[in-house]
Amino acid sequence: MEYKKCIFIYRHKDYAVDGMRSALGLAVENMYSYGVVMDAEMEKLDEHNMESLEMLRDMEGEIYSTIPANVEKNGLESIDLEELGEKLRDMDIIVPYGLK
């Protein structure tokens, strides 16, 4: 059985944490699941959300960010637009999450 790959794109900080939980939910359902925080600086993640991020990583998922402050503050994986474009080509499902 080949597992599907899904990426969530979070363009607004109000939806990033909820979207991270959605990525974790798909990982639990045996999908490779990723997220990318774009265009917005997030608040510092609390302990519960950091644990969710670690669980996602344990299941071979990741949350990326194009914003350096999110990488520094929350330990997200850095990605630039060119790298993101390459990653998107590898995905089976792309979800624009929580657009305002």
PDB file of N, CA and C in Angstrom:
ATOM      1  N   MET A   1       0.837  -1.186   0.000  1.00  0.00           N
ATOM      2  CA  MET A   1       0.000   0.000   0.000  1.00  0.00           C
ATOM      3  C   MET A   1       0.881   1.247   0.000  1.00  0.00           C
ATOM      4  N   GLU A   2       0.605   2.134  -0.932  1.00  0.00           N
ATOM      5  CA  GLU A   2       1.364   3.377  -1.003  1.00  0.00           C
ATOM      6  C   GLU A   2       0.619   4.460  -0.228  1.00  0.00           C
ATOM      7  N   TYR A   3       1.333   5.118   0.658  1.00  0.00           N
ATOM      8  CA  TYR A   3       0.730   6.161   1.482  1.00  0.00           C
ATOM      9  C   TYR A   3       0.705   7.484   0.731  1.00  0.00           C
ATOM     10  N   LYS A   4      -0.373   8.210   0.888  1.00  0.00           N
ATOM     11  CA  LYS A   4      -0.527   9.525   0.270  1.00  0.00           C
ATOM     12  C   LYS A   4       0.280  10.566   1.038  1.00  0.00           C
ATOM     13  N   LYS A   5       0.677  11.611   0.333  1.00  0.00           N
ATOM     14  CA  LYS A   5       1.395  12.737   0.936  1.00  0.00           C
ATOM     15  C   LYS A   5       0.510  13.973   0.838  1.00  0.00           C
ATOM     16  N   CYS A   6       0.352  14.649   1.978  1.00  0.00           N
ATOM     17  CA  CYS A   6      -0.513  15.822   2.042  1.00  0.00           C
ATOM     18  C   CYS A   6       0.232  16.973   2.701  1.00  0.00           C
ATOM     19  N   ILE A   7       0.029  18.178   2.182  1.00  0.00           N
ATOM     20  CA  ILE A   7       0.600  19.364   2.805  1.00  0.00           C
ATOM     21  C   ILE A   7      -0.504  20.410   2.992  1.00  0.00           C
ATOM     22  N   PHE A   8      -0.512  21.000   4.172  1.00  0.00           N
ATOM     23  CA  PHE A   8      -1.407  22.097   4.494  1.00  0.00           C
ATOM     24  C   PHE A   8      -0.625  23.401   4.367  1.00  0.00           C
ATOM     25  N   ILE A   9      -1.233  24.400   3.759  1.00  0.00           N
ATOM     26  CA  ILE A   9      -0.594  25.714   3.643  1.00  0.00           C
ATOM     27  C   ILE A   9      -1.369  26.680   4.527  1.00  0.00           C
ATOM     28  N   TYR A  10      -0.681  27.200   5.540  1.00  0.00           N
ATOM     29  CA  TYR A  10      -1.292  28.129   6.488  1.00  0.00           C
ATOM     30  C   TYR A  10      -0.821  29.547   6.152  1.00  0.00           C
ATOM     31  N   ARG A  11      -1.740  30.392   5.668  1.00  0.00           N
ATOM     32  CA  ARG A  11      -1.379  31.751   5.273  1.00  0.00           C
ATOM     33  C   ARG A  11      -1.754  32.776   6.328  1.00  0.00           C
ATOM     34  N   HIS A  12      -2.470  32.342   7.363  1.00  0.00           N
ATOM     35  CA  HIS A  12      -2.895  33.270   8.404  1.00  0.00           C
ATOM     36  C   HIS A  12      -2.564  32.655   9.762  1.00  0.00           C
ATOM     37  N   LYS A  13      -1.940  33.423  10.635  1.00  0.00           N
ATOM     38  CA  LYS A  13      -1.466  32.893  11.915  1.00  0.00           C
ATOM     39  C   LYS A  13      -2.585  32.345  12.791  1.00  0.00           C
ATOM     40  N   ASP A  14      -3.815  32.843  12.637  1.00  0.00           N
ATOM     41  CA  ASP A  14      -4.929  32.372  13.466  1.00  0.00           C
ATOM     42  C   ASP A  14      -5.268  30.903  13.209  1.00  0.00           C
ATOM     43  N   TYR A  15      -4.877  30.386  12.042  1.00  0.00           N
ATOM     44  CA  TYR A  15      -5.212  29.012  11.696  1.00  0.00           C
ATOM     45  C   TYR A  15      -4.029  28.051  11.784  1.00  0.00           C
ATOM     46  N   ALA A  16      -2.849  28.554  12.038  1.00  0.00           N
ATOM     47  CA  ALA A  16      -1.647  27.717  11.992  1.00  0.00           C
ATOM     48  C   ALA A  16      -1.669  26.591  13.026  1.00  0.00           C
ATOM     49  N   VAL A  17      -1.997  26.906  14.266  1.00  0.00           N
ATOM     50  CA  VAL A  17      -1.969  25.876  15.315  1.00  0.00           C
ATOM     51  C   VAL A  17      -3.050  24.827  15.061  1.00  0.00           C
ATOM     52  N   ASP A  18      -4.250  25.257  14.702  1.00  0.00           N
ATOM     53  CA  ASP A  18      -5.325  24.315  14.387  1.00  0.00           C
ATOM     54  C   ASP A  18      -4.931  23.458  13.184  1.00  0.00           C
ATOM     55  N   GLY A  19      -4.313  24.082  12.211  1.00  0.00           N
ATOM     56  CA  GLY A  19      -3.861  23.348  11.031  1.00  0.00           C
ATOM     57  C   GLY A  19      -2.771  22.337  11.344  1.00  0.00           C
ATOM     58  N   MET A  20      -1.909  22.664  12.300  1.00  0.00           N
ATOM     59  CA  MET A  20      -0.882  21.710  12.720  1.00  0.00           C
ATOM     60  C   MET A  20      -1.535  20.462  13.308  1.00  0.00           C
ATOM     61  N   ARG A  21      -2.611  20.659  14.071  1.00  0.00           N
ATOM     62  CA  ARG A  21      -3.331  19.508  14.625  1.00  0.00           C
ATOM     63  C   ARG A  21      -3.982  18.684  13.518  1.00  0.00           C
ATOM     64  N   SER A  22      -4.449  19.338  12.469  1.00  0.00           N
ATOM     65  CA  SER A  22      -5.024  18.611  11.329  1.00  0.00           C
ATOM     66  C   SER A  22      -3.951  17.770  10.631  1.00  0.00           C
ATOM     67  N   ALA A  23      -2.762  18.338  10.494  1.00  0.00           N
ATOM     68  CA  ALA A  23      -1.653  17.578   9.901  1.00  0.00           C
ATOM     69  C   ALA A  23      -1.338  16.355  10.759  1.00  0.00           C
ATOM     70  N   LEU A  24      -1.333  16.527  12.075  1.00  0.00           N
ATOM     71  CA  LEU A  24      -1.090  15.404  12.978  1.00  0.00           C
ATOM     72  C   LEU A  24      -2.183  14.352  12.821  1.00  0.00           C
ATOM     73  N   GLY A  25      -3.429  14.789  12.702  1.00  0.00           N
ATOM     74  CA  GLY A  25      -4.541  13.850  12.525  1.00  0.00           C
ATOM     75  C   GLY A  25      -4.388  12.996  11.281  1.00  0.00           C
ATOM     76  N   LEU A  26      -3.934  13.594  10.187  1.00  0.00           N
ATOM     77  CA  LEU A  26      -3.714  12.807   8.970  1.00  0.00           C
ATOM     78  C   LEU A  26      -2.543  11.845   9.143  1.00  0.00           C
ATOM     79  N   ALA A  27      -1.523  12.267   9.852  1.00  0.00           N
ATOM     80  CA  ALA A  27      -0.378  11.379  10.098  1.00  0.00           C
ATOM     81  C   ALA A  27      -0.823  10.153  10.892  1.00  0.00           C
ATOM     82  N   VAL A  28      -1.719  10.359  11.830  1.00  0.00           N
ATOM     83  CA  VAL A  28      -2.255   9.239  12.619  1.00  0.00           C
ATOM     84  C   VAL A  28      -3.025   8.282  11.706  1.00  0.00           C
ATOM     85  N   GLU A  29      -3.624   8.817  10.650  1.00  0.00           N
ATOM     86  CA  GLU A  29      -4.387   8.003   9.691  1.00  0.00           C
ATOM     87  C   GLU A  29      -3.499   7.436   8.578  1.00  0.00           C
ATOM     88  N   ASN A  30      -2.209   7.319   8.843  1.00  0.00           N
ATOM     89  CA  ASN A  30      -1.256   6.700   7.920  1.00  0.00           C
ATOM     90  C   ASN A  30      -1.051   7.470   6.615  1.00  0.00           C
ATOM     91  N   MET A  31      -1.007   8.784   6.711  1.00  0.00           N
ATOM     92  CA  MET A  31      -0.616   9.612   5.572  1.00  0.00           C
ATOM     93  C   MET A  31       0.656  10.355   5.956  1.00  0.00           C
ATOM     94  N   TYR A  32       1.490  10.625   4.967  1.00  0.00           N
ATOM     95  CA  TYR A  32       2.615  11.512   5.210  1.00  0.00           C
ATOM     96  C   TYR A  32       2.037  12.916   5.198  1.00  0.00           C
ATOM     97  N   SER A  33       2.212  13.638   6.277  1.00  0.00           N
ATOM     98  CA  SER A  33       1.524  14.909   6.441  1.00  0.00           C
ATOM     99  C   SER A  33       2.497  16.016   6.826  1.00  0.00           C
ATOM    100  N   TYR A  34       2.338  17.153   6.163  1.00  0.00           N
ATOM    101  CA  TYR A  34       3.218  18.298   6.358  1.00  0.00           C
ATOM    102  C   TYR A  34       2.381  19.572   6.437  1.00  0.00           C
ATOM    103  N   GLY A  35       2.994  20.627   6.913  1.00  0.00           N
ATOM    104  CA  GLY A  35       2.364  21.946   6.919  1.00  0.00           C
ATOM    105  C   GLY A  35       3.424  22.991   6.667  1.00  0.00           C
ATOM    106  N   VAL A  36       2.982  24.139   6.174  1.00  0.00           N
ATOM    107  CA  VAL A  36       3.904  25.250   5.979  1.00  0.00           C
ATOM    108  C   VAL A  36       3.198  26.539   6.392  1.00  0.00           C
ATOM    109  N   VAL A  37       3.844  27.273   7.304  1.00  0.00           N
ATOM    110  CA  VAL A  37       3.339  28.569   7.759  1.00  0.00           C
ATOM    111  C   VAL A  37       3.963  29.635   6.862  1.00  0.00           C
ATOM    112  N   MET A  38       3.106  30.360   6.142  1.00  0.00           N
ATOM    113  CA  MET A  38       3.587  31.386   5.215  1.00  0.00           C
ATOM    114  C   MET A  38       3.051  32.750   5.615  1.00  0.00           C
ATOM    115  N   ASP A  39       3.829  33.766   5.382  1.00  0.00           N
ATOM    116  CA  ASP A  39       3.378  35.157   5.432  1.00  0.00           C
ATOM    117  C   ASP A  39       2.945  35.666   6.799  1.00  0.00           C
ATOM    118  N   ALA A  40       3.126  34.899   7.868  1.00  0.00           N
ATOM    119  CA  ALA A  40       2.651  35.360   9.176  1.00  0.00           C
ATOM    120  C   ALA A  40       3.547  34.835  10.284  1.00  0.00           C
ATOM    121  N   GLU A  41       3.828  35.713  11.239  1.00  0.00           N
ATOM    122  CA  GLU A  41       4.596  35.300  12.409  1.00  0.00           C
ATOM    123  C   GLU A  41       3.633  34.762  13.464  1.00  0.00           C
ATOM    124  N   MET A  42       3.932  33.579  13.952  1.00  0.00           N
ATOM    125  CA  MET A  42       3.095  32.928  14.966  1.00  0.00           C
ATOM    126  C   MET A  42       3.519  33.354  16.365  1.00  0.00           C
ATOM    127  N   GLU A  43       2.611  33.177  17.312  1.00  0.00           N
ATOM    128  CA  GLU A  43       2.954  33.311  18.722  1.00  0.00           C
ATOM    129  C   GLU A  43       3.810  32.116  19.118  1.00  0.00           C
ATOM    130  N   LYS A  44       4.474  32.203  20.253  1.00  0.00           N
ATOM    131  CA  LYS A  44       5.251  31.084  20.783  1.00  0.00           C
ATOM    132  C   LYS A  44       4.299  29.932  21.087  1.00  0.00           C
ATOM    133  N   LEU A  45       4.641  28.735  20.623  1.00  0.00           N
ATOM    134  CA  LEU A  45       3.814  27.556  20.883  1.00  0.00           C
ATOM    135  C   LEU A  45       3.885  27.174  22.352  1.00  0.00           C
ATOM    136  N   ASP A  46       2.746  26.761  22.907  1.00  0.00           N
ATOM    137  CA  ASP A  46       2.746  26.287  24.289  1.00  0.00           C
ATOM    138  C   ASP A  46       3.225  24.829  24.332  1.00  0.00           C
ATOM    139  N   GLU A  47       3.364  24.301  25.524  1.00  0.00           N
ATOM    140  CA  GLU A  47       3.914  22.951  25.703  1.00  0.00           C
ATOM    141  C   GLU A  47       3.075  21.895  24.987  1.00  0.00           C
ATOM    142  N   HIS A  48       1.754  22.012  25.071  1.00  0.00           N
ATOM    143  CA  HIS A  48       0.859  21.045  24.424  1.00  0.00           C
ATOM    144  C   HIS A  48       1.074  21.026  22.904  1.00  0.00           C
ATOM    145  N   ASN A  49       1.164  22.206  22.299  1.00  0.00           N
ATOM    146  CA  ASN A  49       1.350  22.276  20.849  1.00  0.00           C
ATOM    147  C   ASN A  49       2.755  21.855  20.430  1.00  0.00           C
ATOM    148  N   MET A  50       3.743  22.086  21.286  1.00  0.00           N
ATOM    149  CA  MET A  50       5.096  21.584  20.996  1.00  0.00           C
ATOM    150  C   MET A  50       5.103  20.054  21.013  1.00  0.00           C
ATOM    151  N   GLU A  51       4.353  19.455  21.935  1.00  0.00           N
ATOM    152  CA  GLU A  51       4.238  17.995  21.981  1.00  0.00           C
ATOM    153  C   GLU A  51       3.571  17.471  20.711  1.00  0.00           C
ATOM    154  N   SER A  52       2.546  18.171  20.221  1.00  0.00           N
ATOM    155  CA  SER A  52       1.886  17.777  18.974  1.00  0.00           C
ATOM    156  C   SER A  52       2.856  17.825  17.808  1.00  0.00           C
ATOM    157  N   LEU A  53       3.683  18.870  17.772  1.00  0.00           N
ATOM    158  CA  LEU A  53       4.688  18.992  16.722  1.00  0.00           C
ATOM    159  C   LEU A  53       5.678  17.829  16.783  1.00  0.00           C
ATOM    160  N   GLU A  54       6.108  17.484  17.976  1.00  0.00           N
ATOM    161  CA  GLU A  54       7.039  16.355  18.131  1.00  0.00           C
ATOM    162  C   GLU A  54       6.395  15.032  17.718  1.00  0.00           C
ATOM    163  N   MET A  55       5.115  14.848  18.038  1.00  0.00           N
ATOM    164  CA  MET A  55       4.411  13.622  17.621  1.00  0.00           C
ATOM    165  C   MET A  55       4.337  13.550  16.100  1.00  0.00           C
ATOM    166  N   LEU A  56       4.057  14.697  15.449  1.00  0.00           N
ATOM    167  CA  LEU A  56       4.017  14.722  13.987  1.00  0.00           C
ATOM    168  C   LEU A  56       5.378  14.335  13.419  1.00  0.00           C
ATOM    169  N   ARG A  57       6.434  14.858  14.005  1.00  0.00           N
ATOM    170  CA  ARG A  57       7.783  14.518  13.542  1.00  0.00           C
ATOM    171  C   ARG A  57       8.097  13.046  13.760  1.00  0.00           C
ATOM    172  N   ASP A  58       7.601  12.480  14.865  1.00  0.00           N
ATOM    173  CA  ASP A  58       7.800  11.045  15.115  1.00  0.00           C
ATOM    174  C   ASP A  58       7.151  10.194  14.034  1.00  0.00           C
ATOM    175  N   MET A  59       6.110  10.736  13.398  1.00  0.00           N
ATOM    176  CA  MET A  59       5.401  10.014  12.335  1.00  0.00           C
ATOM    177  C   MET A  59       5.870  10.461  10.948  1.00  0.00           C
ATOM    178  N   GLU A  60       7.095  11.002  10.886  1.00  0.00           N
ATOM    179  CA  GLU A  60       7.763  11.405   9.653  1.00  0.00           C
ATOM    180  C   GLU A  60       7.112  12.593   8.960  1.00  0.00           C
ATOM    181  N   GLY A  61       6.392  13.424   9.717  1.00  0.00           N
ATOM    182  CA  GLY A  61       5.830  14.656   9.183  1.00  0.00           C
ATOM    183  C   GLY A  61       6.682  15.831   9.609  1.00  0.00           C
ATOM    184  N   GLU A  62       6.287  17.024   9.180  1.00  0.00           N
ATOM    185  CA  GLU A  62       7.045  18.230   9.526  1.00  0.00           C
ATOM    186  C   GLU A  62       6.165  19.451   9.317  1.00  0.00           C
ATOM    187  N   ILE A  63       6.456  20.493  10.065  1.00  0.00           N
ATOM    188  CA  ILE A  63       5.860  21.807   9.847  1.00  0.00           C
ATOM    189  C   ILE A  63       7.000  22.753   9.463  1.00  0.00           C
ATOM    190  N   TYR A  64       6.857  23.374   8.309  1.00  0.00           N
ATOM    191  CA  TYR A  64       7.851  24.291   7.768  1.00  0.00           C
ATOM    192  C   TYR A  64       7.364  25.731   7.925  1.00  0.00           C
ATOM    193  N   SER A  65       8.272  26.675   7.751  1.00  0.00           N
ATOM    194  CA  SER A  65       7.875  28.076   7.705  1.00  0.00           C
ATOM    195  C   SER A  65       8.811  28.855   6.795  1.00  0.00           C
ATOM    196  N   THR A  66       8.211  29.791   6.070  1.00  0.00           N
ATOM    197  CA  THR A  66       8.995  30.704   5.241  1.00  0.00           C
ATOM    198  C   THR A  66       9.419  31.927   6.046  1.00  0.00           C
ATOM    199  N   ILE A  67       8.965  32.028   7.300  1.00  0.00           N
ATOM    200  CA  ILE A  67       9.242  33.176   8.161  1.00  0.00           C
ATOM    201  C   ILE A  67      10.324  32.806   9.183  1.00  0.00           C
ATOM    202  N   PRO A  68      11.501  33.441   9.135  1.00  0.00           N
ATOM    203  CA  PRO A  68      12.583  33.096  10.067  1.00  0.00           C
ATOM    204  C   PRO A  68      12.190  33.172  11.545  1.00  0.00           C
ATOM    205  N   ALA A  69      11.328  34.107  11.922  1.00  0.00           N
ATOM    206  CA  ALA A  69      10.928  34.228  13.334  1.00  0.00           C
ATOM    207  C   ALA A  69      10.212  32.965  13.821  1.00  0.00           C
ATOM    208  N   ASN A  70       9.436  32.314  12.953  1.00  0.00           N
ATOM    209  CA  ASN A  70       8.754  31.077  13.344  1.00  0.00           C
ATOM    210  C   ASN A  70       9.739  29.931  13.537  1.00  0.00           C
ATOM    211  N   VAL A  71      10.786  29.943  12.741  1.00  0.00           N
ATOM    212  CA  VAL A  71      11.836  28.928  12.864  1.00  0.00           C
ATOM    213  C   VAL A  71      12.560  29.105  14.196  1.00  0.00           C
ATOM    214  N   GLU A  72      12.928  30.348  14.506  1.00  0.00           N
ATOM    215  CA  GLU A  72      13.674  30.638  15.735  1.00  0.00           C
ATOM    216  C   GLU A  72      12.824  30.443  16.985  1.00  0.00           C
ATOM    217  N   LYS A  73      11.607  30.936  16.957  1.00  0.00           N
ATOM    218  CA  LYS A  73      10.753  30.951  18.144  1.00  0.00           C
ATOM    219  C   LYS A  73      10.127  29.591  18.444  1.00  0.00           C
ATOM    220  N   ASN A  74       9.759  28.841  17.398  1.00  0.00           N
ATOM    221  CA  ASN A  74       8.994  27.608  17.595  1.00  0.00           C
ATOM    222  C   ASN A  74       9.678  26.347  17.085  1.00  0.00           C
ATOM    223  N   GLY A  75      10.878  26.493  16.558  1.00  0.00           N
ATOM    224  CA  GLY A  75      11.611  25.325  16.100  1.00  0.00           C
ATOM    225  C   GLY A  75      11.045  24.697  14.841  1.00  0.00           C
ATOM    226  N   LEU A  76      10.316  25.482  14.043  1.00  0.00           N
ATOM    227  CA  LEU A  76       9.812  24.956  12.779  1.00  0.00           C
ATOM    228  C   LEU A  76      10.973  24.825  11.802  1.00  0.00           C
ATOM    229  N   GLU A  77      10.796  24.006  10.822  1.00  0.00           N
ATOM    230  CA  GLU A  77      11.824  23.775   9.815  1.00  0.00           C
ATOM    231  C   GLU A  77      11.763  24.892   8.772  1.00  0.00           C
ATOM    232  N   SER A  78      12.891  25.490   8.469  1.00  0.00           N
ATOM    233  CA  SER A  78      12.949  26.580   7.496  1.00  0.00           C
ATOM    234  C   SER A  78      12.777  26.043   6.075  1.00  0.00           C
ATOM    235  N   ILE A  79      12.042  26.806   5.265  1.00  0.00           N
ATOM    236  CA  ILE A  79      11.884  26.461   3.851  1.00  0.00           C
ATOM    237  C   ILE A  79      11.733  27.763   3.066  1.00  0.00           C
ATOM    238  N   ASP A  80      12.367  27.852   1.901  1.00  0.00           N
ATOM    239  CA  ASP A  80      12.159  29.036   1.065  1.00  0.00           C
ATOM    240  C   ASP A  80      11.171  28.677  -0.044  1.00  0.00           C
ATOM    241  N   LEU A  81      10.765  29.667  -0.816  1.00  0.00           N
ATOM    242  CA  LEU A  81       9.712  29.440  -1.811  1.00  0.00           C
ATOM    243  C   LEU A  81      10.119  28.439  -2.886  1.00  0.00           C
ATOM    244  N   GLU A  82      11.387  28.451  -3.264  1.00  0.00           N
ATOM    245  CA  GLU A  82      11.855  27.491  -4.269  1.00  0.00           C
ATOM    246  C   GLU A  82      11.775  26.058  -3.729  1.00  0.00           C
ATOM    247  N   GLU A  83      12.231  25.858  -2.500  1.00  0.00           N
ATOM    248  CA  GLU A  83      12.153  24.530  -1.880  1.00  0.00           C
ATOM    249  C   GLU A  83      10.698  24.095  -1.701  1.00  0.00           C
ATOM    250  N   LEU A  84       9.843  25.045  -1.332  1.00  0.00           N
ATOM    251  CA  LEU A  84       8.424  24.736  -1.173  1.00  0.00           C
ATOM    252  C   LEU A  84       7.815  24.302  -2.505  1.00  0.00           C
ATOM    253  N   GLY A  85       8.167  24.991  -3.573  1.00  0.00           N
ATOM    254  CA  GLY A  85       7.679  24.601  -4.896  1.00  0.00           C
ATOM    255  C   GLY A  85       8.054  23.176  -5.245  1.00  0.00           C
ATOM    256  N   GLU A  86       9.276  22.784  -4.928  1.00  0.00           N
ATOM    257  CA  GLU A  86       9.718  21.407  -5.173  1.00  0.00           C
ATOM    258  C   GLU A  86       8.923  20.420  -4.326  1.00  0.00           C
ATOM    259  N   LYS A  87       8.709  20.770  -3.052  1.00  0.00           N
ATOM    260  CA  LYS A  87       7.958  19.893  -2.152  1.00  0.00           C
ATOM    261  C   LYS A  87       6.516  19.737  -2.639  1.00  0.00           C
ATOM    262  N   LEU A  88       5.910  20.822  -3.114  1.00  0.00           N
ATOM    263  CA  LEU A  88       4.523  20.753  -3.590  1.00  0.00           C
ATOM    264  C   LEU A  88       4.379  19.789  -4.768  1.00  0.00           C
ATOM    265  N   ARG A  89       5.391  19.717  -5.627  1.00  0.00           N
ATOM    266  CA  ARG A  89       5.338  18.796  -6.764  1.00  0.00           C
ATOM    267  C   ARG A  89       5.299  17.336  -6.313  1.00  0.00           C
ATOM    268  N   ASP A  90       5.793  17.079  -5.105  1.00  0.00           N
ATOM    269  CA  ASP A  90       5.876  15.715  -4.575  1.00  0.00           C
ATOM    270  C   ASP A  90       4.607  15.300  -3.816  1.00  0.00           C
ATOM    271  N   MET A  91       3.680  16.231  -3.632  1.00  0.00           N
ATOM    272  CA  MET A  91       2.487  15.973  -2.820  1.00  0.00           C
ATOM    273  C   MET A  91       1.343  15.410  -3.656  1.00  0.00           C
ATOM    274  N   ASP A  92       0.543  14.553  -3.031  1.00  0.00           N
ATOM    275  CA  ASP A  92      -0.680  14.059  -3.656  1.00  0.00           C
ATOM    276  C   ASP A  92      -1.848  15.017  -3.395  1.00  0.00           C
ATOM    277  N   ILE A  93      -1.839  15.650  -2.222  1.00  0.00           N
ATOM    278  CA  ILE A  93      -2.931  16.534  -1.813  1.00  0.00           C
ATOM    279  C   ILE A  93      -2.336  17.822  -1.248  1.00  0.00           C
ATOM    280  N   ILE A  94      -2.857  18.974  -1.706  1.00  0.00           N
ATOM    281  CA  ILE A  94      -2.438  20.284  -1.208  1.00  0.00           C
ATOM    282  C   ILE A  94      -3.679  20.983  -0.669  1.00  0.00           C
ATOM    283  N   VAL A  95      -3.616  21.386   0.614  1.00  0.00           N
ATOM    284  CA  VAL A  95      -4.771  21.995   1.268  1.00  0.00           C
ATOM    285  C   VAL A  95      -4.450  23.426   1.682  1.00  0.00           C
ATOM    286  N   PRO A  96      -5.061  24.425   1.037  1.00  0.00           N
ATOM    287  CA  PRO A  96      -4.928  25.796   1.531  1.00  0.00           C
ATOM    288  C   PRO A  96      -5.826  25.932   2.758  1.00  0.00           C
ATOM    289  N   TYR A  97      -5.236  26.062   3.929  1.00  0.00           N
ATOM    290  CA  TYR A  97      -5.966  25.931   5.182  1.00  0.00           C
ATOM    291  C   TYR A  97      -6.261  27.291   5.815  1.00  0.00           C
ATOM    292  N   GLY A  98      -7.518  27.581   6.060  1.00  0.00           N
ATOM    293  CA  GLY A  98      -7.904  28.757   6.823  1.00  0.00           C
ATOM    294  C   GLY A  98      -7.612  30.074   6.141  1.00  0.00           C
ATOM    295  N   LEU A  99      -7.881  30.165   4.870  1.00  0.00           N
ATOM    296  CA  LEU A  99      -7.633  31.428   4.156  1.00  0.00           C
ATOM    297  C   LEU A  99      -8.624  32.478   4.604  1.00  0.00           C
ATOM    298  N   LYS A 100      -8.133  33.692   4.782  1.00  0.00           N
ATOM    299  CA  LYS A 100      -9.005  34.818   5.142  1.00  0.00           C
ATOM    300  C   LYS A 100      -9.096  35.778   4.016  1.00  0.00           C
TER     301      LYS A 100
END
